[in-house]
């Protein structure tokens, strides 16, 4: 449910862009992000660090886009967010006590440390590639960047998650054992 809520501002942005243009979409993105994350905060009494970062980056890049009337700033939002997430996952593996993937999923999965490291690196690669793809489409195919940002990124994310689920399903913890 929470993962679905994170996508609401993206869909609001997509609709506003196709109906009214980039600047209305940027304003709608700010408003919908604040509303959605405020709602999540009220329900859960907290936001995860990634949600805080996404909210702040969304407000910053969208606001600069509106203030300067230059969509280039908004085009950089998705690549920057993806690359920062890649660095955070990589940093957790290199400098942390345990990979971020393990910290996030160890309640559901039981795997050897070597597999946790590989899973974490898969997330690093995913975020790095998605950041690159977002930048490439935004600056080489500007007519399609919003569609790619919403539909392409969502499609790649779902495919990545399904692939992981298929590969890791044998490591799901069995609740009946306890």
N, C-alpha and C. Protein backbone atom coordinates (compact mmCIF):
# COMPACT_ATOMS: atom_id res chain seq x y z
N UNK A 1 0.83 -1.20 0.00
CA UNK A 1 0.00 0.00 0.00
C UNK A 1 0.87 1.26 0.00
N UNK A 2 1.88 1.28 0.91
CA UNK A 2 2.74 2.45 1.01
C UNK A 2 3.50 2.67 -0.29
N UNK A 3 3.95 1.60 -0.94
CA UNK A 3 4.67 1.73 -2.21
C UNK A 3 3.77 2.34 -3.27
N UNK A 4 2.50 1.97 -3.27
CA UNK A 4 1.55 2.56 -4.22
C UNK A 4 1.38 4.06 -3.97
N UNK A 5 1.31 4.45 -2.70
CA UNK A 5 1.15 5.87 -2.37
C UNK A 5 2.31 6.70 -2.89
N UNK A 6 3.53 6.12 -2.89
CA UNK A 6 4.70 6.84 -3.39
C UNK A 6 4.57 7.19 -4.87
N UNK A 7 3.74 6.46 -5.62
CA UNK A 7 3.59 6.70 -7.04
C UNK A 7 2.49 7.71 -7.38
N UNK A 8 1.65 8.06 -6.44
CA UNK A 8 0.55 8.99 -6.71
C UNK A 8 1.06 10.33 -7.26
N UNK A 9 2.08 10.96 -6.65
CA UNK A 9 2.55 12.23 -7.22
C UNK A 9 3.06 12.08 -8.66
N UNK A 10 3.65 10.95 -8.96
CA UNK A 10 4.14 10.71 -10.31
C UNK A 10 2.99 10.68 -11.32
N UNK A 11 1.89 10.02 -10.95
CA UNK A 11 0.73 9.97 -11.83
C UNK A 11 0.04 11.32 -11.94
N UNK A 12 0.02 12.08 -10.84
CA UNK A 12 -0.53 13.44 -10.88
C UNK A 12 0.31 14.29 -11.83
N UNK A 13 1.62 14.20 -11.71
CA UNK A 13 2.54 14.92 -12.59
C UNK A 13 2.28 14.54 -14.05
N UNK A 14 2.17 13.26 -14.33
CA UNK A 14 1.94 12.75 -15.68
C UNK A 14 0.65 13.34 -16.27
N UNK A 15 -0.43 13.28 -15.51
CA UNK A 15 -1.70 13.80 -15.99
C UNK A 15 -1.66 15.31 -16.21
N UNK A 16 -1.09 16.03 -15.25
CA UNK A 16 -1.00 17.49 -15.36
C UNK A 16 -0.13 17.89 -16.54
N UNK A 17 0.95 17.15 -16.77
CA UNK A 17 1.84 17.45 -17.89
C UNK A 17 1.10 17.32 -19.22
N UNK A 18 0.37 16.23 -19.39
CA UNK A 18 -0.32 16.00 -20.66
C UNK A 18 -1.54 16.91 -20.84
N UNK A 19 -2.11 17.39 -19.75
CA UNK A 19 -3.26 18.29 -19.86
C UNK A 19 -2.86 19.77 -19.93
N UNK A 20 -1.84 20.16 -19.14
CA UNK A 20 -1.56 21.59 -18.98
C UNK A 20 -0.11 22.01 -19.23
N UNK A 21 0.81 21.06 -19.37
CA UNK A 21 2.19 21.42 -19.63
C UNK A 21 3.10 21.23 -18.42
N UNK A 22 4.38 21.47 -18.66
CA UNK A 22 5.41 21.15 -17.68
C UNK A 22 5.34 21.99 -16.41
N UNK A 23 5.00 23.25 -16.52
CA UNK A 23 5.06 24.11 -15.34
C UNK A 23 3.89 23.85 -14.40
N UNK A 24 2.72 23.61 -14.96
CA UNK A 24 1.59 23.20 -14.12
C UNK A 24 1.88 21.84 -13.50
N UNK A 25 2.50 20.95 -14.28
CA UNK A 25 2.84 19.62 -13.77
C UNK A 25 3.84 19.71 -12.63
N UNK A 26 4.82 20.62 -12.74
CA UNK A 26 5.80 20.79 -11.66
C UNK A 26 5.12 21.26 -10.38
N UNK A 27 4.19 22.22 -10.51
CA UNK A 27 3.45 22.69 -9.34
C UNK A 27 2.57 21.58 -8.76
N UNK A 28 1.92 20.82 -9.63
CA UNK A 28 1.09 19.70 -9.18
C UNK A 28 1.93 18.63 -8.48
N UNK A 29 3.15 18.44 -8.97
CA UNK A 29 4.06 17.47 -8.36
C UNK A 29 4.42 17.88 -6.94
N UNK A 30 4.72 19.15 -6.75
CA UNK A 30 5.04 19.65 -5.41
C UNK A 30 3.85 19.44 -4.47
N UNK A 31 2.69 19.89 -4.90
CA UNK A 31 1.48 19.82 -4.05
C UNK A 31 1.13 18.37 -3.73
N UNK A 32 1.09 17.52 -4.75
CA UNK A 32 0.70 16.13 -4.52
C UNK A 32 1.74 15.40 -3.67
N UNK A 33 3.01 15.73 -3.84
CA UNK A 33 4.05 15.09 -3.01
C UNK A 33 3.89 15.47 -1.55
N UNK A 34 3.67 16.76 -1.30
CA UNK A 34 3.49 17.21 0.08
C UNK A 34 2.25 16.55 0.69
N UNK A 35 1.16 16.49 -0.05
CA UNK A 35 -0.07 15.89 0.47
C UNK A 35 0.13 14.40 0.75
N UNK A 36 0.71 13.67 -0.20
CA UNK A 36 0.89 12.22 -0.04
C UNK A 36 1.83 11.92 1.12
N UNK A 37 2.98 12.59 1.15
CA UNK A 37 3.94 12.30 2.22
C UNK A 37 3.45 12.78 3.58
N UNK A 38 2.66 13.85 3.61
CA UNK A 38 2.04 14.26 4.88
C UNK A 38 1.06 13.19 5.34
N UNK A 39 0.29 12.63 4.39
CA UNK A 39 -0.63 11.55 4.73
C UNK A 39 0.10 10.31 5.24
N UNK A 40 1.18 9.95 4.58
CA UNK A 40 1.97 8.80 5.04
C UNK A 40 2.52 9.08 6.43
N UNK A 41 3.01 10.30 6.63
CA UNK A 41 3.56 10.67 7.93
C UNK A 41 2.49 10.59 9.02
N UNK A 42 1.29 11.04 8.72
CA UNK A 42 0.21 10.99 9.71
C UNK A 42 -0.22 9.56 10.02
N UNK A 43 -0.21 8.70 8.99
CA UNK A 43 -0.60 7.29 9.20
C UNK A 43 0.49 6.50 9.92
N UNK A 44 1.73 6.67 9.50
CA UNK A 44 2.83 5.84 10.03
C UNK A 44 3.60 6.54 11.14
N UNK A 45 3.36 7.82 11.34
CA UNK A 45 4.07 8.64 12.33
C UNK A 45 5.54 8.82 12.00
N UNK A 46 5.91 8.52 10.73
CA UNK A 46 7.28 8.75 10.30
C UNK A 46 7.37 8.60 8.79
N UNK A 47 8.43 9.15 8.22
CA UNK A 47 8.79 8.91 6.84
C UNK A 47 10.16 8.26 6.85
N UNK A 48 10.38 7.34 5.93
CA UNK A 48 11.70 6.73 5.80
C UNK A 48 12.66 7.76 5.22
N UNK A 49 13.95 7.53 5.41
CA UNK A 49 14.96 8.48 4.91
C UNK A 49 14.84 8.69 3.41
N UNK A 50 14.58 7.62 2.67
CA UNK A 50 14.43 7.73 1.21
C UNK A 50 13.23 8.58 0.83
N UNK A 51 12.16 8.49 1.62
CA UNK A 51 10.98 9.31 1.35
C UNK A 51 11.26 10.78 1.64
N UNK A 52 11.98 11.04 2.73
CA UNK A 52 12.35 12.44 3.03
C UNK A 52 13.20 13.00 1.91
N UNK A 53 14.19 12.22 1.46
CA UNK A 53 15.07 12.68 0.40
C UNK A 53 14.28 12.94 -0.88
N UNK A 54 13.39 12.02 -1.23
CA UNK A 54 12.59 12.17 -2.45
C UNK A 54 11.71 13.41 -2.35
N UNK A 55 11.09 13.62 -1.20
CA UNK A 55 10.23 14.79 -1.01
C UNK A 55 11.03 16.09 -1.13
N UNK A 56 12.16 16.16 -0.46
CA UNK A 56 12.98 17.37 -0.51
C UNK A 56 13.51 17.62 -1.93
N UNK A 57 13.97 16.56 -2.59
CA UNK A 57 14.48 16.70 -3.96
C UNK A 57 13.36 17.14 -4.91
N UNK A 58 12.17 16.58 -4.72
CA UNK A 58 11.03 16.94 -5.56
C UNK A 58 10.69 18.41 -5.40
N UNK A 59 10.62 18.85 -4.16
CA UNK A 59 10.30 20.27 -3.90
C UNK A 59 11.40 21.16 -4.47
N UNK A 60 12.66 20.78 -4.26
CA UNK A 60 13.77 21.61 -4.72
C UNK A 60 13.82 21.69 -6.25
N UNK A 61 13.86 20.55 -6.92
CA UNK A 61 13.98 20.56 -8.38
C UNK A 61 12.76 21.18 -9.05
N UNK A 62 11.57 20.89 -8.51
CA UNK A 62 10.35 21.46 -9.09
C UNK A 62 10.27 22.96 -8.86
N UNK A 63 10.66 23.39 -7.68
CA UNK A 63 10.63 24.83 -7.36
C UNK A 63 11.61 25.61 -8.23
N UNK A 64 12.81 25.07 -8.40
CA UNK A 64 13.79 25.74 -9.26
C UNK A 64 13.29 25.80 -10.70
N UNK A 65 12.66 24.71 -11.14
CA UNK A 65 12.06 24.70 -12.48
C UNK A 65 11.04 25.82 -12.63
N UNK A 66 10.20 25.98 -11.63
CA UNK A 66 9.17 27.02 -11.69
C UNK A 66 9.77 28.42 -11.57
N UNK A 67 10.72 28.60 -10.67
CA UNK A 67 11.32 29.93 -10.47
C UNK A 67 12.11 30.40 -11.68
N UNK A 68 12.86 29.50 -12.28
CA UNK A 68 13.68 29.86 -13.44
C UNK A 68 12.98 29.65 -14.77
N UNK A 69 11.80 29.05 -14.70
CA UNK A 69 11.04 28.72 -15.90
C UNK A 69 11.92 27.92 -16.88
N UNK A 70 12.56 26.88 -16.32
CA UNK A 70 13.51 26.06 -17.07
C UNK A 70 13.32 24.60 -16.66
N UNK A 71 12.76 23.81 -17.56
CA UNK A 71 12.45 22.41 -17.25
C UNK A 71 13.69 21.54 -17.09
N UNK A 72 14.85 22.03 -17.44
CA UNK A 72 16.09 21.26 -17.30
C UNK A 72 16.27 20.78 -15.87
N UNK A 73 15.93 21.65 -14.92
CA UNK A 73 16.09 21.28 -13.51
C UNK A 73 15.23 20.07 -13.16
N UNK A 74 14.01 20.03 -13.62
CA UNK A 74 13.12 18.91 -13.32
C UNK A 74 13.59 17.64 -14.03
N UNK A 75 14.21 17.81 -15.19
CA UNK A 75 14.74 16.65 -15.91
C UNK A 75 15.86 15.97 -15.13
N UNK A 76 16.56 16.73 -14.30
CA UNK A 76 17.65 16.16 -13.51
C UNK A 76 17.17 15.47 -12.23
N UNK A 77 15.93 15.67 -11.84
CA UNK A 77 15.44 15.12 -10.57
C UNK A 77 15.55 13.60 -10.51
N UNK A 78 14.99 12.90 -11.48
CA UNK A 78 15.00 11.43 -11.45
C UNK A 78 16.41 10.86 -11.52
N UNK A 79 17.27 11.36 -12.43
CA UNK A 79 18.63 10.83 -12.42
C UNK A 79 19.36 11.05 -11.09
N UNK A 80 19.25 12.24 -10.54
CA UNK A 80 19.95 12.54 -9.29
C UNK A 80 19.43 11.65 -8.16
N UNK A 81 18.12 11.51 -8.04
CA UNK A 81 17.56 10.66 -6.98
C UNK A 81 18.05 9.22 -7.16
N UNK A 82 17.99 8.70 -8.37
CA UNK A 82 18.45 7.33 -8.61
C UNK A 82 19.93 7.17 -8.27
N UNK A 83 20.75 8.11 -8.69
CA UNK A 83 22.19 8.01 -8.42
C UNK A 83 22.51 8.13 -6.94
N UNK A 84 21.78 8.97 -6.23
CA UNK A 84 21.99 9.06 -4.78
C UNK A 84 21.59 7.74 -4.11
N UNK A 85 20.47 7.15 -4.52
CA UNK A 85 20.09 5.85 -3.97
C UNK A 85 21.15 4.80 -4.28
N UNK A 86 21.71 4.81 -5.48
CA UNK A 86 22.77 3.86 -5.84
C UNK A 86 23.96 4.04 -4.90
N UNK A 87 24.35 5.29 -4.65
CA UNK A 87 25.47 5.56 -3.75
C UNK A 87 25.18 5.14 -2.32
N UNK A 88 23.94 5.33 -1.88
CA UNK A 88 23.57 4.94 -0.51
C UNK A 88 23.65 3.41 -0.38
N UNK A 89 23.12 2.68 -1.35
CA UNK A 89 23.20 1.22 -1.30
C UNK A 89 24.65 0.76 -1.34
N UNK A 90 25.45 1.38 -2.21
CA UNK A 90 26.86 1.01 -2.31
C UNK A 90 27.59 1.36 -1.01
N UNK A 91 27.34 2.53 -0.49
CA UNK A 91 27.97 2.95 0.76
C UNK A 91 27.63 2.03 1.92
N UNK A 92 26.39 1.55 1.95
CA UNK A 92 26.00 0.64 3.03
C UNK A 92 26.79 -0.65 2.98
N UNK A 93 27.14 -1.07 1.80
CA UNK A 93 27.90 -2.30 1.64
C UNK A 93 29.38 -2.08 1.95
N UNK A 94 29.89 -0.93 1.57
CA UNK A 94 31.32 -0.68 1.76
C UNK A 94 31.65 -0.18 3.17
N UNK A 95 30.78 0.62 3.74
CA UNK A 95 31.09 1.25 5.02
C UNK A 95 30.15 0.85 6.16
N UNK A 96 29.04 0.26 5.82
CA UNK A 96 28.06 -0.06 6.85
C UNK A 96 28.29 -1.41 7.48
N UNK A 97 27.51 -1.68 8.50
CA UNK A 97 27.60 -2.98 9.17
C UNK A 97 26.96 -4.06 8.33
N UNK A 98 25.93 -3.68 7.58
CA UNK A 98 25.29 -4.65 6.69
C UNK A 98 24.72 -3.90 5.49
N UNK A 99 24.60 -4.60 4.38
CA UNK A 99 24.05 -3.96 3.18
C UNK A 99 22.62 -3.47 3.43
N UNK A 100 22.28 -2.37 2.80
CA UNK A 100 20.95 -1.79 2.97
C UNK A 100 19.86 -2.76 2.55
N UNK A 101 20.11 -3.54 1.51
CA UNK A 101 19.11 -4.53 1.07
C UNK A 101 18.79 -5.49 2.21
N UNK A 102 19.80 -5.90 2.96
CA UNK A 102 19.58 -6.80 4.09
C UNK A 102 18.80 -6.10 5.19
N UNK A 103 19.17 -4.86 5.48
CA UNK A 103 18.47 -4.11 6.52
C UNK A 103 16.98 -3.95 6.18
N UNK A 104 16.69 -3.80 4.89
CA UNK A 104 15.31 -3.60 4.47
C UNK A 104 14.51 -4.90 4.39
N UNK A 105 15.17 -6.00 4.04
CA UNK A 105 14.43 -7.22 3.70
C UNK A 105 14.71 -8.43 4.60
N UNK A 106 15.56 -8.30 5.59
CA UNK A 106 15.92 -9.48 6.38
C UNK A 106 14.75 -10.03 7.19
N UNK A 107 13.72 -9.25 7.39
CA UNK A 107 12.54 -9.76 8.10
C UNK A 107 11.77 -10.75 7.24
N UNK A 108 11.93 -10.64 5.92
CA UNK A 108 11.18 -11.49 5.00
C UNK A 108 12.03 -12.58 4.36
N UNK A 109 13.35 -12.35 4.28
CA UNK A 109 14.23 -13.28 3.58
C UNK A 109 15.33 -13.79 4.50
N UNK A 110 15.67 -15.06 4.32
CA UNK A 110 16.79 -15.65 5.05
C UNK A 110 17.79 -16.16 4.02
N UNK A 111 18.94 -15.46 3.92
CA UNK A 111 19.92 -15.78 2.88
C UNK A 111 21.33 -15.67 3.46
N UNK A 112 22.29 -16.32 2.81
CA UNK A 112 23.68 -16.14 3.22
C UNK A 112 24.17 -14.72 2.91
N UNK A 113 25.19 -14.28 3.64
CA UNK A 113 25.71 -12.92 3.47
C UNK A 113 26.17 -12.64 2.05
N UNK A 114 26.74 -13.64 1.40
CA UNK A 114 27.21 -13.42 0.03
C UNK A 114 26.05 -13.08 -0.91
N UNK A 115 24.91 -13.68 -0.67
CA UNK A 115 23.74 -13.38 -1.50
C UNK A 115 23.17 -12.01 -1.17
N UNK A 116 23.21 -11.62 0.12
CA UNK A 116 22.78 -10.27 0.49
C UNK A 116 23.65 -9.24 -0.22
N UNK A 117 24.95 -9.49 -0.27
CA UNK A 117 25.86 -8.56 -0.94
C UNK A 117 25.54 -8.46 -2.43
N UNK A 118 25.26 -9.60 -3.06
CA UNK A 118 24.93 -9.58 -4.48
C UNK A 118 23.60 -8.87 -4.73
N UNK A 119 22.62 -9.11 -3.85
CA UNK A 119 21.33 -8.43 -3.97
C UNK A 119 21.52 -6.92 -3.83
N UNK A 120 22.32 -6.51 -2.87
CA UNK A 120 22.57 -5.09 -2.66
C UNK A 120 23.24 -4.47 -3.89
N UNK A 121 24.21 -5.18 -4.46
CA UNK A 121 24.88 -4.68 -5.66
C UNK A 121 23.92 -4.63 -6.86
N UNK A 122 22.96 -5.55 -6.88
CA UNK A 122 21.94 -5.51 -7.95
C UNK A 122 21.13 -4.22 -7.83
N UNK A 123 20.82 -3.80 -6.60
CA UNK A 123 20.11 -2.54 -6.39
C UNK A 123 20.98 -1.35 -6.78
N UNK A 124 22.26 -1.43 -6.47
CA UNK A 124 23.19 -0.36 -6.88
C UNK A 124 23.15 -0.23 -8.40
N UNK A 125 23.29 -1.36 -9.08
CA UNK A 125 23.30 -1.35 -10.55
C UNK A 125 21.96 -0.85 -11.10
N UNK A 126 20.87 -1.31 -10.51
CA UNK A 126 19.54 -0.89 -10.97
C UNK A 126 19.40 0.63 -10.87
N UNK A 127 19.70 1.20 -9.72
CA UNK A 127 19.56 2.64 -9.54
C UNK A 127 20.52 3.42 -10.44
N UNK A 128 21.74 2.93 -10.60
CA UNK A 128 22.71 3.61 -11.47
C UNK A 128 22.22 3.59 -12.92
N UNK A 129 21.75 2.45 -13.38
CA UNK A 129 21.26 2.33 -14.76
C UNK A 129 20.00 3.17 -14.96
N UNK A 130 19.08 3.13 -14.01
CA UNK A 130 17.85 3.91 -14.14
C UNK A 130 18.16 5.41 -14.17
N UNK A 131 19.12 5.84 -13.36
CA UNK A 131 19.52 7.25 -13.41
C UNK A 131 20.07 7.61 -14.77
N UNK A 132 20.92 6.74 -15.32
CA UNK A 132 21.47 6.98 -16.65
C UNK A 132 20.42 6.98 -17.73
N UNK A 133 19.50 6.02 -17.67
CA UNK A 133 18.43 5.97 -18.67
C UNK A 133 17.54 7.20 -18.61
N UNK A 134 17.20 7.61 -17.39
CA UNK A 134 16.37 8.81 -17.23
C UNK A 134 17.06 10.04 -17.82
N UNK A 135 18.35 10.19 -17.55
CA UNK A 135 19.08 11.33 -18.09
C UNK A 135 19.18 11.24 -19.62
N UNK A 136 19.48 10.07 -20.12
CA UNK A 136 19.63 9.88 -21.57
C UNK A 136 18.34 10.22 -22.30
N UNK A 137 17.22 9.68 -21.81
CA UNK A 137 15.93 9.97 -22.47
C UNK A 137 15.59 11.45 -22.33
N UNK A 138 15.78 12.02 -21.14
CA UNK A 138 15.42 13.42 -20.91
C UNK A 138 16.16 14.38 -21.83
N UNK A 139 17.42 14.09 -22.09
CA UNK A 139 18.22 15.04 -22.85
C UNK A 139 18.43 14.66 -24.32
N UNK A 140 18.13 13.43 -24.68
CA UNK A 140 18.25 13.03 -26.08
C UNK A 140 16.90 12.86 -26.77
N UNK A 141 15.86 12.61 -25.99
CA UNK A 141 14.50 12.44 -26.52
C UNK A 141 13.53 13.25 -25.65
N UNK A 142 13.69 14.57 -25.64
CA UNK A 142 12.90 15.39 -24.72
C UNK A 142 11.39 15.27 -24.90
N UNK A 143 10.94 14.92 -26.09
CA UNK A 143 9.49 14.78 -26.31
C UNK A 143 8.92 13.58 -25.55
N UNK A 144 9.79 12.65 -25.16
CA UNK A 144 9.32 11.41 -24.52
C UNK A 144 9.74 11.28 -23.07
N UNK A 145 10.44 12.28 -22.53
CA UNK A 145 11.01 12.08 -21.20
C UNK A 145 9.98 11.92 -20.11
N UNK A 146 8.87 12.63 -20.16
CA UNK A 146 7.85 12.49 -19.11
C UNK A 146 7.21 11.11 -19.19
N UNK A 147 6.91 10.66 -20.40
CA UNK A 147 6.33 9.32 -20.55
C UNK A 147 7.30 8.26 -20.04
N UNK A 148 8.58 8.41 -20.38
CA UNK A 148 9.56 7.44 -19.89
C UNK A 148 9.70 7.52 -18.38
N UNK A 149 9.78 8.73 -17.86
CA UNK A 149 9.94 8.92 -16.42
C UNK A 149 8.83 8.20 -15.65
N UNK A 150 7.62 8.28 -16.15
CA UNK A 150 6.49 7.67 -15.44
C UNK A 150 6.31 6.21 -15.86
N UNK A 151 6.07 5.98 -17.13
CA UNK A 151 5.72 4.63 -17.58
C UNK A 151 6.94 3.72 -17.72
N UNK A 152 8.01 4.25 -18.32
CA UNK A 152 9.21 3.43 -18.51
C UNK A 152 9.86 3.07 -17.19
N UNK A 153 10.05 4.06 -16.34
CA UNK A 153 10.68 3.80 -15.04
C UNK A 153 9.83 2.85 -14.20
N UNK A 154 8.53 3.06 -14.21
CA UNK A 154 7.64 2.17 -13.47
C UNK A 154 7.72 0.75 -14.03
N UNK A 155 7.72 0.62 -15.34
CA UNK A 155 7.80 -0.70 -15.97
C UNK A 155 9.11 -1.41 -15.63
N UNK A 156 10.23 -0.69 -15.72
CA UNK A 156 11.51 -1.29 -15.37
C UNK A 156 11.57 -1.67 -13.90
N UNK A 157 11.01 -0.84 -13.04
CA UNK A 157 10.99 -1.14 -11.61
C UNK A 157 10.17 -2.38 -11.32
N UNK A 158 8.99 -2.48 -11.91
CA UNK A 158 8.15 -3.67 -11.70
C UNK A 158 8.85 -4.92 -12.23
N UNK A 159 9.45 -4.83 -13.41
CA UNK A 159 10.16 -5.98 -13.97
C UNK A 159 11.33 -6.39 -13.06
N UNK A 160 12.06 -5.42 -12.55
CA UNK A 160 13.18 -5.70 -11.66
C UNK A 160 12.69 -6.39 -10.39
N UNK A 161 11.61 -5.89 -9.81
CA UNK A 161 11.07 -6.48 -8.59
C UNK A 161 10.51 -7.89 -8.82
N UNK A 162 9.85 -8.09 -9.94
CA UNK A 162 9.33 -9.43 -10.26
C UNK A 162 10.49 -10.40 -10.46
N UNK A 163 11.52 -9.96 -11.16
CA UNK A 163 12.70 -10.80 -11.34
C UNK A 163 13.34 -11.17 -10.01
N UNK A 164 13.45 -10.22 -9.12
CA UNK A 164 14.00 -10.51 -7.79
C UNK A 164 13.12 -11.47 -7.02
N UNK A 165 11.82 -11.26 -7.09
CA UNK A 165 10.89 -12.14 -6.37
C UNK A 165 11.02 -13.58 -6.87
N UNK A 166 11.15 -13.73 -8.18
CA UNK A 166 11.29 -15.07 -8.74
C UNK A 166 12.61 -15.71 -8.29
N UNK A 167 13.67 -14.94 -8.30
CA UNK A 167 14.98 -15.48 -7.91
C UNK A 167 15.11 -15.73 -6.41
N UNK A 168 14.45 -14.92 -5.61
CA UNK A 168 14.63 -14.98 -4.17
C UNK A 168 13.50 -15.67 -3.42
N UNK A 169 12.48 -16.12 -4.12
CA UNK A 169 11.31 -16.70 -3.45
C UNK A 169 11.67 -17.91 -2.59
N UNK A 170 12.70 -18.65 -2.97
CA UNK A 170 13.08 -19.83 -2.17
C UNK A 170 13.70 -19.43 -0.83
N UNK A 171 14.05 -18.15 -0.67
CA UNK A 171 14.65 -17.68 0.58
C UNK A 171 13.63 -17.00 1.49
N UNK A 172 12.35 -17.01 1.09
CA UNK A 172 11.32 -16.41 1.94
C UNK A 172 11.25 -17.16 3.25
N UNK A 173 11.15 -16.42 4.34
CA UNK A 173 11.03 -17.05 5.65
C UNK A 173 9.66 -17.70 5.75
N UNK A 174 9.66 -18.89 6.33
CA UNK A 174 8.43 -19.63 6.51
C UNK A 174 7.88 -19.32 7.89
N UNK A 175 6.74 -18.64 7.95
CA UNK A 175 6.14 -18.25 9.23
C UNK A 175 5.62 -19.44 10.01
N UNK A 176 5.32 -20.55 9.34
CA UNK A 176 4.77 -21.72 10.04
C UNK A 176 5.80 -22.41 10.91
N UNK A 177 7.10 -22.20 10.66
CA UNK A 177 8.16 -22.83 11.43
C UNK A 177 8.22 -22.29 12.85
N UNK A 178 7.81 -21.04 13.05
CA UNK A 178 7.93 -20.42 14.36
C UNK A 178 6.72 -20.63 15.21
